[in-house]
Structure formats: structure tokens, C-alpha cells
Amino acid sequence: MKERIIILDFGSQYTQLIARRVREHHVYCEIFPYTKVPELSPEVKAIILSGSPCSVKDQDSPRVDFDKFIGKIPVLGVCYGAQLLANEYGGVVERSETREYGKAMLDQFQLPDPILNNIPIGSQVWMSHGDTITRLPESFELLAGTNHINTAIFRNRNGAFSAPVYGLQFHPEVTHSTHGAQLLDNFLFEIAGCSPTWSPSSFVQDVVSRLKAKIGSDGVLMGLSGGVDSTVAATILQQAIGSQLICFFIDNGLLRKNEYDEVLDSYQGMGLNVVGINARQRFYDALAGLSEPEAKRKAIGKTFIDVFQDEAGRLDNIKWLGQGTIYPDVIESVSVHGPSVTIKSHHNVGGLPDSLNLKVVEPLNMLFKDEVRVVGKEINVPDKILSRHPFPGPGLGIRILGDITPAKVALLQEADYIFIKTLKDEGYYDKIWQAATILLPIQSVGVMGDERTYEQVVALRAVNSRDGMTADWSDIPHHILSRISSQIINQVKGINRVVYDISTKPPATIEWE
């Protein structure tokens, strides 16, 4: 029986961060939309209610049936989750005159409680809410306040419920809450009674065992990208079923310079049965004349499916499709509020047609990105693969703005090669989470020697992140940027200007398309 924590998502930007913090305590957890509360079972140790951009004062704000779990297992409400508890049980939640955002200090401790163990007076916490609890319900009591608000931490009174209920009107999961990890530690172990049994080794043992039982003697087909996720997923499958796994590596003509050969070489000696497929021209033909980003993504996706389907038809006993889907892919594909605006199609979720008649197996679909790398180390995936920056499924197709031609691909490959190689030469590649070069659909005037030029512009993009959900632009030293710019302009004929993107995510995305 595997212990787990359930996190109910009310739409907060920090929900995944709560999950990551829980797992950092070696406790397994899963995120569910508040509309899909799972049935309680003995292995569910507690429920955490996330924050939300909504206000409990709004007519259509998210609500949940508390009777399903209150009084049955421990509950922790965070920010909106705490306000929802207060509002539901008869307290008063009011709009703040000003948004309570930023640092505050826990300086009013009212009662001793296990959740406050090892939390010092004056501990910094991070506020981010527009409502505030002005009166607690009769069934709750105050534990602590801050220099900004009276009600920062509260819990149910003895006898009010059969299991403890806590509320925090701040975010313990962000690093700005200096003792937030300790608060979560107290809740998980002192209050919920969890055991720290979640680890990479336990995950590998569990998933390999389950894959063996699930797949049996069937064959599995998997498309590899050369990246961390698909490689780790394939390696786990290989450990479970050995030669029953066959992998395709498809060259879509949109890879980085030399990447096709380098990736195939990197799989040598790993025990993976990898078949390389050169399908460049099919992708170029499918992309001819397309400029709109979503149309390009769909054309790339459809062509990949067509190539994959053609090659798969040559194989026997293939019953399963392996995918490197990770947990953020799954979460991002389930909207808390139902159907929502498509920002961009995701290449990992959904996919191949029913006509393939393959069942899907996703060994990593409950892991975050950094957890995938840790698991990769556990199963001895080479560092040269684990240290690779993330690379999008559509490849350079979404890094060439506008229509795609082989000539543009070649131009971008050369500029991108200089960018990445220089970062490595300068010892800076591993300090960055993801780096990319984008070919812009504009030309600019330049001067080379005594001649006027009118050539292409590329943008350099480098970000730091833990899992790609949020990202800050990387402050690459100016001398490195200068060297990169000079080499691109001097060595890549057709480019005469280099710019650097200093946008964060949000509001920008990491990729430009």
C-alpha cells in the first residue's frame, strides 16, 4: 500500500509547487481538480486545498463538497483553501481594501500546536490574496497572526471534527516563506502521520514491477526524441520488458545541427533497440506554405503520426505505445475550470490514431521534470543525456517564425550550434535550464566591411527553471553574449543582427510559438 496526499486544485499558479514540496519530503502526492475529488481509501493520509485566483465572494467561485473528507482525514487549506474553509463553516471572509501581497512576519502566536513546531516568532511568510478572513467560525481557533493580518494560521477546536483541519492564509510552498518547508513537514508527519517512503529507488522498483505485470509478453513501440523524458521512460521499459521494446527515432528535418547522428550514437551501449528513420522531406512537404504556429504544430504532429504509423505497420506483436509523458503534461491538459483557451497544442498528451490499435503506457506520467532526472541517475542513464536542455517536440519548427524552408532550417541550425557550443565552451550550459535560438521573420539593415546588408535577425533565449511551469530569463555574462553574437554574425551568412530575450514566464512562454 503506497501512502499518498491528495491536493485539490482550485486553479492556483502554485498548486504544482505544493506537490513538489510534498514530494521533497519523500511523501507521494497527486493533484486532482476540485471538481473530481477521488474516493478516500486507506492509503490517502490527508488532503491539501490549493489557492486560487478566484474570490470566495464571487457567485461562481470554486466550491467543493467538504462532507466527502472533512472529519475523515486531516485537511490543510492554503490561502483560498483556508478562506473556503472559513466561509463554509460560518466565518467571515471580506475583500481586502488593498491586495495583501508580499512578505509578512508571523509575530502573534496564540496557542501551541504541532503545526508550529520549530517555527520561530518573526518567521517570514508570503502573502498573495485579495480577500482576508476577518472572523473565524465558532468551530475553529486562531493559532497565529502576522504583522499584516490577524488570522494567518488556524485549526479546528477540539471535538469540532473527528480529524484535524488547518488553514494557512499564506503560501508555505514558496521559498519566500522561510519556514514553509517546516510547516509542511509538521503537517505531513506530526498531523497526517505520513512516512517518508517516496524516493527514486522506490519509484523504479514499483513502476518496473507494475510494467511487467501490465505488459506481459506484448511488444511495446516508442518514439524517442533524444531528450531526458523519452530516454528515461524507454530505459525503465527496457528494464521491465527487455527486447520486447522497439524504439523509433525520427529525423523530422527540424532537429539541431548533427543531432540525428549524435542522438543515435548516444543510445549505443544502453541496451535500447533504436531504429533511425530519415523522414525530413515528408515533414518539409507537409509544412510548405504554413506560417501560423498552431497550423505548423498540427502539420508536424500529423506527419509524425503518419511516419510512425507507416513504420509501425512493418512490426509484429506490438500492442502498446510507450510515451515519455510527465506529470506537468498531464496536469496542463486537464483544465480546472473545464474547456479553456488553447495556448498551444501539447505534443506529449493525446496523439497517435485509434487505427494503430495500441494501448498507451506512460512510465513517467506521475513525475515532475527534476524527478525524472533523479530517476534517470538511479537507472544509470548517461549524464550527457540527463544534462541535455529540454527540446520541444516540433523542434526548430516553432523556432522559425513564419513559414519553414530547408534553407531557413539550415540557417537556424548554424546559429543555434554556435550559441549552444559557446555556452558549453564557457562552462555555462549547465547553469541554464533551456537555451534556444529563434529565427525572426524580419530583416534588418547592417554594415559589413563597406557594404550595406539587409539580412535576417535571430533572438537568443535562455531561461532558468525547475520544471518549465515558470521561468526567469538567464543573466548570461555580457562577454559570453558578445562572443556568441560576434561569431553568429561573422560565421553565418544571412544573419546580421542578434538580440537577447529577457522575458519571464509568465507572462511570456519559453518558446516563441
Protein backbone atom coordinates (compact mmCIF):
# COMPACT_ATOMS: atom_id res chain seq x y z
CA MET A 1 0.00 0.00 0.00
CA LYS A 2 1.50 3.35 -1.08
CA GLU A 3 0.71 6.33 1.15
CA ARG A 4 -0.31 9.47 -0.67
CA ILE A 5 -1.52 13.01 -0.19
CA ILE A 6 -4.33 14.38 -2.35
CA ILE A 7 -4.05 18.02 -3.48
CA LEU A 8 -7.27 19.59 -4.72
CA ASP A 9 -6.52 22.24 -7.33
CA PHE A 10 -8.66 25.38 -7.37
CA GLY A 11 -6.60 26.99 -10.14
CA SER A 12 -3.63 28.43 -8.25
CA GLN A 13 -0.37 29.07 -10.08
CA TYR A 14 1.30 27.46 -7.06
CA THR A 15 -0.58 24.14 -6.99
CA GLN A 16 2.20 22.19 -8.67
CA LEU A 17 4.67 23.82 -6.32
CA ILE A 18 2.74 22.41 -3.34
CA ALA A 19 3.01 18.96 -4.89
CA ARG A 20 6.72 19.36 -5.49
CA ARG A 21 7.30 20.48 -1.89
CA VAL A 22 5.36 17.49 -0.55
CA ARG A 23 7.45 15.12 -2.65
CA GLU A 24 10.63 16.82 -1.45
CA HIS A 25 9.62 15.46 1.96
CA HIS A 26 9.60 11.98 0.34
CA VAL A 27 5.83 11.74 0.53
CA TYR A 28 3.93 10.79 -2.62
CA CYS A 29 1.09 13.08 -3.71
CA GLU A 30 -1.29 13.60 -6.61
CA ILE A 31 -3.18 16.64 -7.90
CA PHE A 32 -6.87 16.48 -8.77
CA PRO A 33 -9.22 19.23 -10.00
CA TYR A 34 -11.57 20.30 -7.22
CA THR A 35 -14.41 19.01 -9.41
CA LYS A 36 -13.05 15.44 -9.25
CA VAL A 37 -12.47 14.59 -5.60
CA PRO A 38 -11.26 10.98 -5.53
CA GLU A 39 -12.82 8.39 -3.26
CA LEU A 40 -10.95 8.08 0.01
CA SER A 41 -9.01 4.88 0.58
CA PRO A 42 -6.76 3.74 3.43
CA GLU A 43 -3.58 4.94 1.70
CA VAL A 44 -4.84 8.57 1.45
CA LYS A 45 -3.31 10.25 4.50
CA ALA A 46 -4.53 13.84 4.06
CA ILE A 47 -5.98 16.40 1.65
CA ILE A 48 -4.48 19.81 0.84
CA LEU A 49 -6.70 22.53 -0.62
CA SER A 50 -4.78 24.81 -3.00
CA GLY A 51 -5.02 28.53 -3.53
CA SER A 52 -6.97 30.11 -6.37
CA PRO A 53 -7.12 33.31 -8.44
CA CYS A 54 -10.82 33.44 -7.51
CA SER A 55 -12.54 35.03 -4.53
CA VAL A 56 -14.86 33.10 -2.24
CA LYS A 57 -17.13 36.17 -2.51
CA ASP A 58 -17.72 35.52 -6.20
CA GLN A 59 -21.00 33.89 -7.12
CA ASP A 60 -19.35 31.29 -9.35
CA SER A 61 -16.16 30.73 -7.34
CA PRO A 62 -14.92 27.13 -7.00
CA ARG A 63 -16.66 25.07 -4.32
CA VAL A 64 -16.16 21.52 -3.09
CA ASP A 65 -18.29 19.05 -1.12
CA PHE A 66 -16.48 19.09 2.24
CA ASP A 67 -18.64 16.25 3.55
CA LYS A 68 -16.61 13.88 1.38
CA PHE A 69 -13.49 14.30 3.50
CA ILE A 70 -13.77 16.79 6.38
CA GLY A 71 -13.67 14.86 9.65
CA LYS A 72 -12.42 11.71 7.91
CA ILE A 73 -8.74 12.58 7.26
CA PRO A 74 -6.54 15.62 8.07
CA VAL A 75 -7.08 18.65 5.84
CA LEU A 76 -4.87 21.67 5.17
CA GLY A 77 -6.28 24.72 3.38
CA VAL A 78 -3.76 27.08 1.73
CA CYS A 79 -4.78 30.69 1.04
CA TYR A 80 -8.05 30.31 -0.95
CA GLY A 81 -8.37 26.84 0.58
CA ALA A 82 -8.24 28.39 4.07
CA GLN A 83 -10.74 31.11 3.13
CA LEU A 84 -13.06 28.49 1.66
CA LEU A 85 -12.98 26.57 4.96
CA ALA A 86 -13.71 29.73 6.95
CA ASN A 87 -16.53 30.75 4.64
CA GLU A 88 -18.09 27.27 4.55
CA TYR A 89 -18.28 26.85 8.32
CA GLY A 90 -19.71 30.24 9.23
CA GLY A 91 -16.74 32.60 9.41
CA VAL A 92 -16.47 35.96 7.68
CA VAL A 93 -14.29 36.50 4.61
CA GLU A 94 -14.14 40.03 3.23
CA ARG A 95 -12.44 41.80 0.37
CA SER A 96 -9.22 43.46 1.46
CA GLU A 97 -9.01 47.17 0.80
CA THR A 98 -5.61 46.51 -0.75
CA ARG A 99 -4.31 43.23 -2.08
CA GLU A 100 -2.23 41.51 0.59
CA TYR A 101 0.81 40.54 -1.44
CA GLY A 102 4.39 40.03 -0.37
CA LYS A 103 6.33 39.37 2.80
CA ALA A 104 4.83 39.29 6.30
CA MET A 105 6.08 38.10 9.67
CA LEU A 106 4.47 35.54 11.97
CA ASP A 107 4.62 37.54 15.19
CA GLN A 108 1.40 36.64 17.03
CA PHE A 109 1.44 33.06 18.34
CA GLN A 110 -1.77 32.34 20.24
CA LEU A 111 -1.70 28.62 21.10
CA PRO A 112 0.88 25.80 20.98
CA ASP A 113 0.21 23.28 18.25
CA PRO A 114 2.16 20.57 16.36
CA ILE A 115 1.96 22.58 13.13
CA LEU A 116 4.01 25.33 14.83
CA ASN A 117 6.82 23.04 15.99
CA ASN A 118 10.21 24.63 15.23
CA ILE A 119 8.58 27.75 13.73
CA PRO A 120 10.19 30.81 15.35
CA ILE A 121 8.41 34.04 16.17
CA GLY A 122 9.11 36.50 13.36
CA SER A 123 9.27 33.81 10.67
CA GLN A 124 8.75 35.32 7.22
CA VAL A 125 5.74 34.13 5.17
CA TRP A 126 4.50 35.05 1.69
CA MET A 127 1.05 36.55 1.18
CA SER A 128 -0.83 36.58 -2.13
CA HIS A 129 -4.56 37.16 -1.73
CA GLY A 130 -7.24 39.77 -2.27
CA ASP A 131 -9.64 38.54 0.46
CA THR A 132 -8.98 38.14 4.16
CA ILE A 133 -10.60 36.18 6.98
CA THR A 134 -11.94 38.74 9.45
CA ARG A 135 -13.75 36.29 11.74
CA LEU A 136 -13.17 32.59 12.26
CA PRO A 137 -16.08 30.15 12.54
CA GLU A 138 -17.02 29.03 16.06
CA SER A 139 -15.64 25.59 15.28
CA PHE A 140 -12.11 26.97 14.65
CA GLU A 141 -9.49 28.67 16.79
CA LEU A 142 -6.64 31.03 15.99
CA LEU A 143 -3.06 29.78 16.18
CA ALA A 144 -1.01 32.65 14.72
CA GLY A 145 -1.22 36.02 13.03
CA THR A 146 1.21 38.31 11.23
CA ASN A 147 2.11 41.97 11.29
CA HIS A 148 -0.39 42.41 8.42
CA ILE A 149 -3.33 40.14 9.26
CA ASN A 150 -4.74 38.72 12.50
CA THR A 151 -5.68 35.33 11.02
CA ALA A 152 -2.67 33.63 9.46
CA ILE A 153 -2.89 30.08 10.88
CA PHE A 154 -5.94 28.40 12.41
CA ARG A 155 -7.27 24.94 13.19
CA ASN A 156 -10.49 23.29 14.32
CA ARG A 157 -11.34 23.32 18.02
CA ASN A 158 -11.07 20.02 19.86
CA GLY A 159 -14.17 17.96 19.21
CA ALA A 160 -15.34 20.06 16.25
CA PHE A 161 -14.28 17.37 13.75
CA SER A 162 -13.05 13.80 14.04
CA ALA A 163 -9.86 14.64 12.09
CA PRO A 164 -7.78 17.85 12.24
CA VAL A 165 -8.46 20.73 9.87
CA TYR A 166 -5.93 23.55 9.40
CA GLY A 167 -5.89 26.77 7.41
CA LEU A 168 -2.94 28.92 6.32
CA GLN A 169 -3.73 32.32 4.87
CA PHE A 170 -0.33 32.44 3.16
CA HIS A 171 1.75 30.22 0.86
CA PRO A 172 4.13 27.85 2.70
CA GLU A 173 5.21 26.24 -0.59
CA VAL A 174 7.11 29.27 -1.94
CA THR A 175 10.71 29.86 -0.92
CA HIS A 176 9.81 33.34 0.35
CA SER A 177 8.11 31.60 3.29
CA THR A 178 11.34 30.87 5.13
CA HIS A 179 9.92 28.11 7.35
CA GLY A 180 7.28 26.92 4.90
CA ALA A 181 9.05 23.59 4.43
CA GLN A 182 8.98 23.07 8.19
CA LEU A 183 5.24 23.85 8.31
CA LEU A 184 4.58 21.26 5.62
CA ASP A 185 6.87 18.83 7.42
CA ASN A 186 4.84 19.32 10.60
CA PHE A 187 1.56 18.76 8.79
CA LEU A 188 2.74 15.70 6.86
CA PHE A 189 4.44 13.87 9.71
CA GLU A 190 3.11 15.24 13.00
CA ILE A 191 -0.51 15.64 11.94
CA ALA A 192 -1.14 13.36 8.93
CA GLY A 193 1.19 10.61 10.16
CA CYS A 194 2.94 10.10 6.83
CA SER A 195 6.09 8.04 6.36
CA PRO A 196 8.97 9.35 4.16
CA THR A 197 8.92 6.40 1.75
CA TRP A 198 8.73 8.18 -1.63
CA SER A 199 12.14 8.00 -3.37
CA PRO A 200 13.61 7.43 -6.84
CA SER A 201 14.61 3.87 -5.97
CA SER A 202 11.18 3.01 -4.58
CA PHE A 203 9.58 4.54 -7.67
CA VAL A 204 11.73 2.48 -10.03
CA GLN A 205 11.06 -0.75 -8.17
CA ASP A 206 7.33 -0.07 -8.11
CA VAL A 207 6.96 1.04 -11.75
CA VAL A 208 9.11 -1.78 -13.17
CA SER A 209 7.06 -4.33 -11.25
CA ARG A 210 3.79 -2.81 -12.46
CA LEU A 211 5.00 -2.61 -16.08
CA LYS A 212 5.96 -6.29 -16.09
CA ALA A 213 2.52 -7.27 -14.84
CA LYS A 214 0.72 -4.84 -17.17
CA ILE A 215 2.54 -5.60 -20.43
CA GLY A 216 3.28 -9.29 -20.03
CA SER A 217 4.75 -10.72 -23.25
CA ASP A 218 3.38 -7.99 -25.52
CA GLY A 219 5.57 -5.75 -27.67
CA VAL A 220 5.93 -2.02 -26.98
CA LEU A 221 6.76 0.64 -29.57
CA MET A 222 8.09 4.02 -28.52
CA GLY A 223 9.20 7.16 -30.32
CA LEU A 224 12.38 8.70 -28.87
CA SER A 225 13.38 12.35 -29.07
CA GLY A 226 16.86 12.10 -27.61
CA GLY A 227 15.69 14.11 -24.62
CA VAL A 228 15.55 13.25 -20.94
CA ASP A 229 11.90 12.22 -20.65
CA SER A 230 11.65 9.77 -23.53
CA THR A 231 15.07 8.27 -22.79
CA VAL A 232 14.33 7.67 -19.11
CA ALA A 233 10.91 6.25 -19.96
CA ALA A 234 12.42 3.91 -22.55
CA THR A 235 15.15 2.78 -20.16
CA ILE A 236 12.59 1.92 -17.49
CA LEU A 237 10.53 -0.01 -20.06
CA GLN A 238 13.67 -1.80 -21.20
CA GLN A 239 14.40 -2.83 -17.60
CA ALA A 240 10.87 -4.18 -17.32
CA ILE A 241 10.44 -5.99 -20.65
CA GLY A 242 13.85 -6.08 -22.36
CA SER A 243 13.82 -6.86 -26.08
CA GLN A 244 10.01 -6.53 -26.26
CA LEU A 245 10.62 -2.77 -26.59
CA ILE A 246 11.36 -1.26 -30.01
CA CYS A 247 12.16 2.46 -30.32
CA PHE A 248 11.90 4.81 -33.30
CA PHE A 249 13.99 7.95 -33.62
CA ILE A 250 12.51 10.01 -36.45
CA ASP A 251 14.50 12.75 -38.14
CA ASN A 252 11.88 15.36 -38.95
CA GLY A 253 14.38 17.76 -40.50
CA LEU A 254 13.82 20.13 -37.58
CA LEU A 255 16.50 18.85 -35.22
CA ARG A 256 19.58 20.75 -34.16
CA LYS A 257 22.75 20.52 -36.22
CA ASN A 258 24.23 16.98 -36.12
CA GLU A 259 21.59 15.94 -33.59
CA TYR A 260 20.28 12.94 -35.50
CA ASP A 261 23.66 11.19 -35.63
CA GLU A 262 24.68 12.30 -32.13
CA VAL A 263 21.49 11.03 -30.53
CA LEU A 264 21.70 7.66 -32.28
CA ASP A 265 25.31 7.37 -31.12
CA SER A 266 24.34 8.21 -27.54
CA TYR A 267 21.96 5.25 -27.41
CA GLN A 268 24.77 2.85 -28.29
CA GLY A 269 25.58 0.66 -25.33
CA MET A 270 22.39 1.49 -23.42
CA GLY A 271 20.69 -1.74 -24.44
CA LEU A 272 17.92 0.05 -26.31
CA ASN A 273 16.74 -1.26 -29.67
CA VAL A 274 16.56 2.02 -31.62
CA VAL A 275 15.67 2.33 -35.30
CA GLY A 276 16.61 5.63 -37.01
CA ILE A 277 14.17 6.94 -39.64
CA ASN A 278 15.03 9.75 -42.05
CA ALA A 279 11.75 11.49 -42.88
CA ARG A 280 12.97 15.05 -43.45
CA GLN A 281 11.41 15.59 -46.84
CA ARG A 282 7.97 14.38 -45.71
CA PHE A 283 7.95 17.00 -42.96
CA TYR A 284 9.18 19.78 -45.27
CA ASP A 285 6.45 18.91 -47.77
CA ALA A 286 3.79 18.96 -45.06
CA LEU A 287 4.99 22.35 -43.78
CA ALA A 288 5.24 24.06 -47.17
CA GLY A 289 3.43 27.41 -47.12
CA LEU A 290 2.34 27.22 -43.44
CA SER A 291 3.11 30.21 -41.21
CA GLU A 292 0.55 30.11 -38.38
CA PRO A 293 2.08 28.48 -35.27
CA GLU A 294 -0.78 26.14 -34.45
CA ALA A 295 -1.06 25.04 -38.09
CA LYS A 296 2.65 24.19 -38.10
CA ARG A 297 2.37 22.24 -34.85
CA LYS A 298 -0.56 20.25 -36.20
CA ALA A 299 1.20 19.55 -39.51
CA ILE A 300 4.31 18.35 -37.68
CA GLY A 301 2.20 16.22 -35.35
CA LYS A 302 0.17 14.69 -38.18
CA THR A 303 3.26 13.90 -40.24
CA PHE A 304 4.92 12.30 -37.25
CA ILE A 305 1.83 10.14 -36.80
CA ASP A 306 1.83 9.19 -40.49
CA VAL A 307 5.52 8.24 -40.47
CA PHE A 308 5.16 6.41 -37.17
CA GLN A 309 2.12 4.53 -38.43
CA ASP A 310 3.84 3.50 -41.67
CA GLU A 311 6.87 2.16 -39.81
CA ALA A 312 4.80 0.50 -37.09
CA GLY A 313 2.87 -1.43 -39.73
CA ARG A 314 6.04 -3.36 -40.51
CA LEU A 315 6.25 -4.81 -36.99
CA ASP A 316 4.54 -7.76 -35.32
CA ASN A 317 3.17 -8.28 -31.80
CA ILE A 318 3.16 -4.56 -30.97
CA LYS A 319 0.29 -3.99 -28.53
CA TRP A 320 1.46 -0.92 -26.59
CA LEU A 321 2.66 2.59 -27.34
CA GLY A 322 5.25 3.95 -24.90
CA GLN A 323 5.27 7.68 -24.21
CA GLY A 324 7.51 9.98 -22.17
CA THR A 325 4.61 11.98 -20.76
CA ILE A 326 5.45 13.62 -17.42
CA TYR A 327 3.16 14.95 -14.71
CA PRO A 328 3.06 18.63 -15.79
CA ASP A 329 1.93 17.44 -19.27
CA VAL A 330 -0.97 15.58 -17.65
CA ILE A 331 -1.92 18.45 -15.33
CA GLU A 332 -1.74 21.12 -18.05
CA SER A 333 -4.06 19.02 -20.22
CA VAL A 334 -6.80 18.98 -17.56
CA SER A 335 -8.39 22.39 -17.05
CA VAL A 336 -9.61 23.12 -13.54
CA HIS A 337 -12.47 25.15 -14.94
CA GLY A 338 -13.46 22.92 -17.84
CA PRO A 339 -12.75 23.77 -21.50
CA SER A 340 -10.37 26.67 -21.77
CA VAL A 341 -8.50 28.67 -24.38
CA THR A 342 -5.75 26.69 -26.11
CA ILE A 343 -2.39 28.43 -25.64
CA LYS A 344 -0.66 25.87 -27.82
CA SER A 345 -1.07 22.19 -28.57
CA HIS A 346 0.97 19.91 -26.36
CA HIS A 347 3.00 17.29 -28.19
CA ASN A 348 3.08 14.74 -25.36
CA VAL A 349 -0.58 14.28 -24.46
CA GLY A 350 -3.06 12.81 -26.91
CA GLY A 351 -1.51 11.67 -30.12
CA LEU A 352 -1.49 8.61 -32.29
CA PRO A 353 -4.68 7.47 -34.01
CA ASP A 354 -7.02 4.74 -32.80
CA SER A 355 -6.33 2.89 -36.05
CA LEU A 356 -2.99 1.80 -34.60
CA ASN A 357 -4.97 -0.18 -32.02
CA LEU A 358 -2.27 0.38 -29.42
CA LYS A 359 -2.77 0.82 -25.71
CA VAL A 360 -0.72 3.63 -24.13
CA VAL A 361 1.85 3.09 -21.41
CA GLU A 362 3.41 6.13 -19.71
CA PRO A 363 6.03 5.15 -17.10
CA LEU A 364 6.75 8.76 -16.03
CA ASN A 365 3.30 10.32 -16.03
CA MET A 366 3.39 10.95 -12.27
CA LEU A 367 6.85 12.55 -12.15
CA PHE A 368 7.95 16.17 -12.35
CA LYS A 369 10.85 17.13 -14.62
CA ASP A 370 13.51 17.26 -11.93
CA GLU A 371 12.27 13.93 -10.54
CA VAL A 372 12.73 12.38 -13.99
CA ARG A 373 16.40 13.38 -13.92
CA VAL A 374 16.84 11.93 -10.43
CA VAL A 375 15.21 8.69 -11.55
CA GLY A 376 17.44 8.73 -14.64
CA LYS A 377 20.52 8.81 -12.42
CA GLU A 378 19.07 5.96 -10.38
CA ILE A 379 18.86 3.76 -13.50
CA ASN A 380 22.24 4.87 -14.89
CA VAL A 381 21.12 6.94 -17.87
CA PRO A 382 24.30 8.72 -19.11
CA ASP A 383 24.88 12.25 -17.83
CA LYS A 384 25.27 13.55 -21.39
CA ILE A 385 21.57 12.78 -21.89
CA LEU A 386 20.35 13.80 -18.42
CA SER A 387 22.10 17.17 -18.74
CA ARG A 388 20.53 17.96 -22.12
CA HIS A 389 18.31 21.01 -22.21
CA PRO A 390 14.63 20.38 -22.94
CA PHE A 391 13.84 20.49 -26.65
CA PRO A 392 10.27 20.82 -27.97
CA GLY A 393 8.65 18.01 -29.93
CA PRO A 394 8.09 20.25 -33.02
CA GLY A 395 11.78 21.16 -32.82
CA LEU A 396 13.03 24.11 -34.84
CA GLY A 397 9.62 24.26 -36.49
CA ILE A 398 8.44 26.50 -33.66
CA ARG A 399 11.71 28.39 -33.50
CA ILE A 400 11.40 29.61 -37.08
CA LEU A 401 8.70 32.26 -37.01
CA GLY A 402 6.71 32.20 -40.20
CA ASP A 403 6.96 29.62 -42.98
CA ILE A 404 9.58 26.89 -42.92
CA THR A 405 12.04 26.01 -45.69
CA PRO A 406 15.14 23.80 -45.66
CA ALA A 407 17.24 26.93 -46.19
CA LYS A 408 15.81 28.60 -43.07
CA VAL A 409 16.34 25.41 -41.07
CA ALA A 410 19.98 25.28 -42.15
CA LEU A 411 20.46 28.95 -41.25
CA LEU A 412 18.98 28.48 -37.79
CA GLN A 413 20.91 25.27 -37.19
CA GLU A 414 24.20 27.08 -37.75
CA ALA A 415 23.33 30.00 -35.44
CA ASP A 416 21.93 27.66 -32.78
CA TYR A 417 25.04 25.46 -32.96
CA ILE A 418 27.25 28.47 -32.19
CA PHE A 419 25.00 29.51 -29.28
CA ILE A 420 24.96 26.08 -27.61
CA LYS A 421 28.62 25.27 -28.31
CA THR A 422 29.77 28.61 -26.87
CA LEU A 423 27.70 28.09 -23.72
CA LYS A 424 29.39 24.71 -23.30
CA ASP A 425 32.86 26.07 -24.05
CA GLU A 426 32.34 28.83 -21.47
CA GLY A 427 31.13 26.33 -18.84
CA TYR A 428 27.72 27.99 -18.80
CA TYR A 429 25.50 25.36 -20.44
CA ASP A 430 24.77 23.51 -17.19
CA LYS A 431 23.88 26.77 -15.43
CA ILE A 432 20.90 27.22 -17.77
CA TRP A 433 17.70 25.17 -17.83
CA GLN A 434 16.94 25.75 -21.52
CA ALA A 435 18.55 27.73 -24.32
CA ALA A 436 17.15 28.35 -27.77
CA THR A 437 17.80 30.38 -30.91
CA ILE A 438 14.79 31.81 -32.76
CA LEU A 439 14.85 32.91 -36.40
CA LEU A 440 12.68 36.01 -36.73
CA PRO A 441 10.59 36.78 -39.83
CA ILE A 442 12.21 40.18 -40.27
CA GLN A 443 15.29 41.60 -41.89
CA SER A 444 17.40 44.49 -40.69
CA VAL A 445 19.95 46.83 -42.20
CA GLY A 446 23.57 46.22 -41.35
CA VAL A 447 27.06 47.07 -42.50
CA MET A 448 29.78 44.52 -43.22
CA GLY A 449 33.02 45.99 -44.47
CA ASP A 450 31.95 48.80 -46.77
CA GLU A 451 28.78 47.04 -47.85
CA ARG A 452 25.21 47.53 -46.75
CA THR A 453 23.42 44.32 -45.78
CA TYR A 454 19.75 43.53 -45.37
CA GLU A 455 19.60 40.17 -43.63
CA GLN A 456 17.92 38.02 -41.00
CA VAL A 457 17.63 38.59 -37.25
CA VAL A 458 17.90 35.87 -34.60
CA ALA A 459 16.84 36.09 -30.97
CA LEU A 460 18.67 34.19 -28.26
CA ARG A 461 16.52 32.80 -25.45
CA ALA A 462 17.90 31.29 -22.22
CA VAL A 463 15.87 30.63 -19.09
CA ASN A 464 16.27 29.16 -15.64
CA SER A 465 13.53 26.99 -14.24
CA ARG A 466 12.93 23.80 -12.28
CA ASP A 467 10.13 22.28 -14.31
CA GLY A 468 9.21 24.75 -17.05
CA MET A 469 6.00 25.90 -15.36
CA THR A 470 7.59 29.25 -14.51
CA ALA A 471 10.90 30.59 -15.76
CA ASP A 472 13.24 33.56 -15.35
CA TRP A 473 15.50 34.75 -18.14
CA SER A 474 19.13 33.81 -17.58
CA ASP A 475 21.56 36.63 -16.85
CA ILE A 476 24.34 35.36 -19.12
CA PRO A 477 27.53 37.41 -18.67
CA HIS A 478 27.89 40.09 -21.31
CA HIS A 479 31.26 38.84 -22.56
CA ILE A 480 29.67 35.47 -23.40
CA LEU A 481 26.74 37.09 -25.19
CA SER A 482 29.17 39.33 -27.07
CA ARG A 483 31.21 36.34 -28.20
CA ILE A 484 28.09 34.47 -29.34
CA SER A 485 26.75 37.48 -31.25
CA SER A 486 30.06 38.15 -32.99
CA GLN A 487 30.51 34.53 -34.05
CA ILE A 488 26.96 34.21 -35.40
CA ILE A 489 27.17 37.43 -37.42
CA ASN A 490 30.66 36.69 -38.72
CA GLN A 491 30.22 32.99 -39.45
CA VAL A 492 26.58 32.54 -40.50
CA LYS A 493 25.99 34.17 -43.85
CA GLY A 494 22.48 35.63 -43.94
CA ILE A 495 22.30 36.88 -40.32
CA ASN A 496 23.40 40.39 -39.42
CA ARG A 497 21.70 41.05 -36.07
CA VAL A 498 21.41 39.15 -32.75
CA VAL A 499 19.06 40.14 -29.92
CA TYR A 500 18.55 38.66 -26.42
CA ASP A 501 15.11 37.86 -24.97
CA ILE A 502 14.68 38.98 -21.33
CA SER A 503 11.02 37.94 -20.85
CA THR A 504 9.89 35.82 -17.90
CA LYS A 505 7.26 33.06 -17.89
CA PRO A 506 4.60 34.15 -17.19
CA PRO A 507 3.57 36.35 -18.93
CA ALA A 508 5.68 35.11 -21.87
CA THR A 509 6.14 31.44 -22.71
CA ILE A 510 9.57 29.84 -23.01
CA GLU A 511 9.15 29.10 -26.71
CA TRP A 512 8.08 31.92 -29.02
CA GLU A 513 5.45 29.79 -30.75
